[in-house]
Amino acid sequence: MKKNRFSETQIITALKRNEQGVSVSDLARELGVSAGTIYNWRQKYSGMESSELKRLKELEEENRKLKQLFADQALQITMLKDALGKKW
């Protein structure tokens, strides 16, 4: 996966500057990205604060861990059922 040049906090700061009146083309030129990138950022991070973004990342990580835990337990249950179902 490609590593971003800008952190989420930097992106949110740039979008706030755009909301304050800096044009997209000026902001894109200053950051060295295309105007399309600014619009994509706006679509993804619109209206978020840094604290909300941090909480979102924490929830995504917790969700990933819970999904992994569920998958592991489901696999163990399946293996136990197969082992108990066989006749020795």
N, C-alpha and C. Protein backbone atom coordinates (compact mmCIF):
# COMPACT_ATOMS: atom_id res chain seq x y z
N MET A 1 0.84 -1.17 0.00
CA MET A 1 0.00 0.00 0.00
C MET A 1 0.88 1.24 0.00
N LYS A 2 0.50 2.22 -0.74
CA LYS A 2 1.27 3.45 -0.86
C LYS A 2 1.19 4.26 0.43
N LYS A 3 2.33 4.75 0.88
CA LYS A 3 2.37 5.56 2.09
C LYS A 3 2.02 7.00 1.73
N ASN A 4 1.12 7.58 2.53
CA ASN A 4 0.72 8.96 2.28
C ASN A 4 1.81 9.92 2.72
N ARG A 5 1.91 11.03 2.02
CA ARG A 5 2.88 12.06 2.38
C ARG A 5 2.36 12.91 3.51
N PHE A 6 1.05 12.93 3.69
CA PHE A 6 0.44 13.80 4.68
C PHE A 6 -0.31 12.96 5.70
N SER A 7 -0.19 13.34 6.97
CA SER A 7 -0.95 12.66 8.01
C SER A 7 -2.39 13.16 7.97
N GLU A 8 -3.27 12.43 8.66
CA GLU A 8 -4.67 12.84 8.69
C GLU A 8 -4.83 14.21 9.33
N THR A 9 -4.02 14.49 10.35
CA THR A 9 -4.09 15.78 11.01
C THR A 9 -3.71 16.90 10.06
N GLN A 10 -2.68 16.69 9.25
CA GLN A 10 -2.27 17.70 8.27
C GLN A 10 -3.36 17.90 7.21
N ILE A 11 -4.01 16.82 6.83
CA ILE A 11 -5.08 16.92 5.83
C ILE A 11 -6.24 17.72 6.39
N ILE A 12 -6.61 17.45 7.64
CA ILE A 12 -7.72 18.19 8.26
C ILE A 12 -7.38 19.66 8.38
N THR A 13 -6.13 19.97 8.73
CA THR A 13 -5.70 21.36 8.81
C THR A 13 -5.80 22.05 7.45
N ALA A 14 -5.40 21.35 6.40
CA ALA A 14 -5.48 21.91 5.05
C ALA A 14 -6.93 22.15 4.65
N LEU A 15 -7.81 21.22 4.99
CA LEU A 15 -9.22 21.38 4.65
C LEU A 15 -9.86 22.54 5.42
N LYS A 16 -9.42 22.75 6.65
CA LYS A 16 -9.93 23.90 7.42
C LYS A 16 -9.50 25.21 6.77
N ARG A 17 -8.28 25.24 6.25
CA ARG A 17 -7.81 26.44 5.54
C ARG A 17 -8.66 26.68 4.31
N ASN A 18 -9.05 25.60 3.63
CA ASN A 18 -9.91 25.74 2.46
C ASN A 18 -11.28 26.27 2.87
N GLU A 19 -11.80 25.83 3.98
CA GLU A 19 -13.10 26.33 4.47
C GLU A 19 -13.02 27.80 4.86
N GLN A 20 -11.83 28.25 5.25
CA GLN A 20 -11.66 29.64 5.66
C GLN A 20 -11.52 30.58 4.47
N GLY A 21 -11.42 30.04 3.28
CA GLY A 21 -11.41 30.90 2.11
C GLY A 21 -10.25 30.71 1.16
N VAL A 22 -9.28 29.89 1.48
CA VAL A 22 -8.18 29.64 0.56
C VAL A 22 -8.72 28.78 -0.58
N SER A 23 -8.45 29.17 -1.80
CA SER A 23 -8.98 28.42 -2.95
C SER A 23 -8.31 27.06 -3.07
N VAL A 24 -9.03 26.15 -3.69
CA VAL A 24 -8.52 24.78 -3.86
C VAL A 24 -7.25 24.78 -4.69
N SER A 25 -7.22 25.58 -5.74
CA SER A 25 -6.04 25.59 -6.62
C SER A 25 -4.82 26.14 -5.88
N ASP A 26 -5.00 27.19 -5.07
CA ASP A 26 -3.87 27.73 -4.29
C ASP A 26 -3.39 26.73 -3.25
N LEU A 27 -4.33 26.09 -2.58
CA LEU A 27 -3.98 25.10 -1.57
C LEU A 27 -3.26 23.91 -2.19
N ALA A 28 -3.75 23.45 -3.32
CA ALA A 28 -3.14 22.32 -4.02
C ALA A 28 -1.72 22.67 -4.46
N ARG A 29 -1.54 23.86 -4.98
CA ARG A 29 -0.21 24.30 -5.42
C ARG A 29 0.75 24.37 -4.24
N GLU A 30 0.27 24.91 -3.13
CA GLU A 30 1.11 25.05 -1.94
C GLU A 30 1.52 23.70 -1.36
N LEU A 31 0.59 22.73 -1.38
CA LEU A 31 0.88 21.41 -0.81
C LEU A 31 1.57 20.48 -1.80
N GLY A 32 1.53 20.82 -3.08
CA GLY A 32 2.16 19.98 -4.10
C GLY A 32 1.32 18.77 -4.48
N VAL A 33 0.00 18.93 -4.41
CA VAL A 33 -0.92 17.87 -4.82
C VAL A 33 -1.87 18.43 -5.86
N SER A 34 -2.65 17.54 -6.45
CA SER A 34 -3.61 18.00 -7.46
C SER A 34 -4.89 18.48 -6.78
N ALA A 35 -5.67 19.23 -7.53
CA ALA A 35 -6.96 19.70 -7.00
C ALA A 35 -7.88 18.52 -6.73
N GLY A 36 -7.78 17.48 -7.55
CA GLY A 36 -8.58 16.27 -7.33
C GLY A 36 -8.29 15.62 -6.00
N THR A 37 -7.03 15.67 -5.58
CA THR A 37 -6.66 15.12 -4.28
C THR A 37 -7.34 15.89 -3.16
N ILE A 38 -7.38 17.20 -3.29
CA ILE A 38 -8.05 18.03 -2.29
C ILE A 38 -9.52 17.67 -2.22
N TYR A 39 -10.17 17.48 -3.37
CA TYR A 39 -11.58 17.12 -3.39
C TYR A 39 -11.80 15.73 -2.78
N ASN A 40 -10.88 14.79 -3.04
CA ASN A 40 -10.99 13.46 -2.43
C ASN A 40 -10.84 13.55 -0.91
N TRP A 41 -9.90 14.35 -0.45
CA TRP A 41 -9.73 14.55 0.99
C TRP A 41 -11.00 15.14 1.59
N ARG A 42 -11.57 16.11 0.90
CA ARG A 42 -12.77 16.77 1.40
C ARG A 42 -13.91 15.75 1.52
N GLN A 43 -14.00 14.87 0.55
CA GLN A 43 -15.05 13.85 0.57
C GLN A 43 -14.85 12.89 1.75
N LYS A 44 -13.61 12.55 2.03
CA LYS A 44 -13.33 11.56 3.08
C LYS A 44 -13.33 12.17 4.48
N TYR A 45 -12.75 13.35 4.65
CA TYR A 45 -12.53 13.93 5.96
C TYR A 45 -13.40 15.15 6.26
N SER A 46 -14.39 15.41 5.45
CA SER A 46 -15.20 16.61 5.62
C SER A 46 -15.88 16.65 6.98
N GLY A 47 -15.72 17.76 7.68
CA GLY A 47 -16.40 17.97 8.95
C GLY A 47 -15.78 17.28 10.15
N MET A 48 -14.65 16.64 9.99
CA MET A 48 -14.02 15.93 11.09
C MET A 48 -13.04 16.82 11.84
N GLU A 49 -12.95 16.57 13.12
CA GLU A 49 -11.93 17.21 13.95
C GLU A 49 -10.86 16.16 14.22
N SER A 50 -9.71 16.59 14.72
CA SER A 50 -8.61 15.67 15.00
C SER A 50 -9.01 14.63 16.04
N SER A 51 -9.75 15.05 17.06
CA SER A 51 -10.16 14.11 18.10
C SER A 51 -11.13 13.07 17.55
N GLU A 52 -12.02 13.48 16.66
CA GLU A 52 -12.95 12.54 16.05
C GLU A 52 -12.21 11.53 15.18
N LEU A 53 -11.20 12.00 14.46
CA LEU A 53 -10.41 11.12 13.61
C LEU A 53 -9.67 10.10 14.45
N LYS A 54 -9.11 10.55 15.58
CA LYS A 54 -8.39 9.63 16.47
C LYS A 54 -9.35 8.56 17.00
N ARG A 55 -10.54 8.96 17.40
CA ARG A 55 -11.53 8.01 17.92
C ARG A 55 -11.95 7.04 16.82
N LEU A 56 -12.10 7.51 15.59
CA LEU A 56 -12.46 6.65 14.48
C LEU A 56 -11.39 5.58 14.26
N LYS A 57 -10.12 5.98 14.30
CA LYS A 57 -9.03 5.02 14.12
C LYS A 57 -9.03 3.98 15.23
N GLU A 58 -9.30 4.41 16.49
CA GLU A 58 -9.36 3.48 17.61
C GLU A 58 -10.49 2.47 17.42
N LEU A 59 -11.64 2.95 16.98
CA LEU A 59 -12.78 2.05 16.75
C LEU A 59 -12.51 1.07 15.62
N GLU A 60 -11.86 1.53 14.57
CA GLU A 60 -11.52 0.64 13.46
C GLU A 60 -10.56 -0.45 13.92
N GLU A 61 -9.59 -0.09 14.75
CA GLU A 61 -8.63 -1.07 15.27
C GLU A 61 -9.33 -2.07 16.18
N GLU A 62 -10.22 -1.59 17.04
CA GLU A 62 -10.96 -2.49 17.92
C GLU A 62 -11.84 -3.44 17.11
N ASN A 63 -12.47 -2.92 16.08
CA ASN A 63 -13.30 -3.74 15.20
C ASN A 63 -12.47 -4.82 14.51
N ARG A 64 -11.27 -4.45 14.05
CA ARG A 64 -10.39 -5.43 13.40
C ARG A 64 -10.02 -6.54 14.36
N LYS A 65 -9.70 -6.20 15.60
CA LYS A 65 -9.33 -7.20 16.60
C LYS A 65 -10.49 -8.12 16.92
N LEU A 66 -11.70 -7.57 17.03
CA LEU A 66 -12.87 -8.39 17.32
C LEU A 66 -13.20 -9.34 16.18
N LYS A 67 -13.04 -8.87 14.95
CA LYS A 67 -13.27 -9.75 13.80
C LYS A 67 -12.26 -10.90 13.78
N GLN A 68 -11.00 -10.60 14.11
CA GLN A 68 -9.98 -11.64 14.15
C GLN A 68 -10.28 -12.64 15.25
N LEU A 69 -10.71 -12.17 16.42
CA LEU A 69 -11.07 -13.04 17.53
C LEU A 69 -12.23 -13.95 17.15
N PHE A 70 -13.24 -13.39 16.49
CA PHE A 70 -14.38 -14.19 16.05
C PHE A 70 -13.95 -15.25 15.05
N ALA A 71 -13.11 -14.89 14.11
CA ALA A 71 -12.66 -15.85 13.10
C ALA A 71 -11.86 -16.99 13.74
N ASP A 72 -11.01 -16.67 14.71
CA ASP A 72 -10.23 -17.70 15.40
C ASP A 72 -11.14 -18.65 16.17
N GLN A 73 -12.12 -18.11 16.87
CA GLN A 73 -13.03 -18.96 17.64
C GLN A 73 -13.89 -19.82 16.72
N ALA A 74 -14.33 -19.28 15.63
CA ALA A 74 -15.12 -20.06 14.68
C ALA A 74 -14.30 -21.21 14.11
N LEU A 75 -13.04 -20.97 13.84
CA LEU A 75 -12.15 -22.02 13.34
C LEU A 75 -11.95 -23.10 14.39
N GLN A 76 -11.76 -22.71 15.65
CA GLN A 76 -11.59 -23.69 16.73
C GLN A 76 -12.84 -24.53 16.91
N ILE A 77 -14.00 -23.90 16.85
CA ILE A 77 -15.26 -24.64 16.99
C ILE A 77 -15.41 -25.65 15.86
N THR A 78 -15.08 -25.25 14.66
CA THR A 78 -15.18 -26.15 13.51
C THR A 78 -14.23 -27.33 13.67
N MET A 79 -13.01 -27.07 14.11
CA MET A 79 -12.04 -28.16 14.31
C MET A 79 -12.52 -29.11 15.40
N LEU A 80 -13.07 -28.58 16.49
CA LEU A 80 -13.58 -29.45 17.56
C LEU A 80 -14.75 -30.30 17.10
N LYS A 81 -15.64 -29.72 16.32
CA LYS A 81 -16.76 -30.48 15.81
C LYS A 81 -16.29 -31.60 14.88
N ASP A 82 -15.28 -31.31 14.06
CA ASP A 82 -14.74 -32.34 13.17
C ASP A 82 -14.08 -33.45 13.98
N ALA A 83 -13.33 -33.08 15.01
CA ALA A 83 -12.65 -34.08 15.83
C ALA A 83 -13.65 -34.94 16.60
N LEU A 84 -14.70 -34.36 17.12
CA LEU A 84 -15.69 -35.11 17.88
C LEU A 84 -16.61 -35.93 16.98
N GLY A 85 -16.75 -35.53 15.75
CA GLY A 85 -17.63 -36.22 14.84
C GLY A 85 -17.03 -37.49 14.25
N LYS A 86 -15.72 -37.64 14.31
CA LYS A 86 -15.06 -38.81 13.74
C LYS A 86 -15.18 -39.99 14.70
N LYS A 87 -15.30 -41.18 14.15
CA LYS A 87 -15.35 -42.39 14.96
C LYS A 87 -13.93 -42.96 15.03
N TRP A 88 -13.52 -43.31 16.22
CA TRP A 88 -12.17 -43.83 16.41
C TRP A 88 -12.25 -45.30 16.34
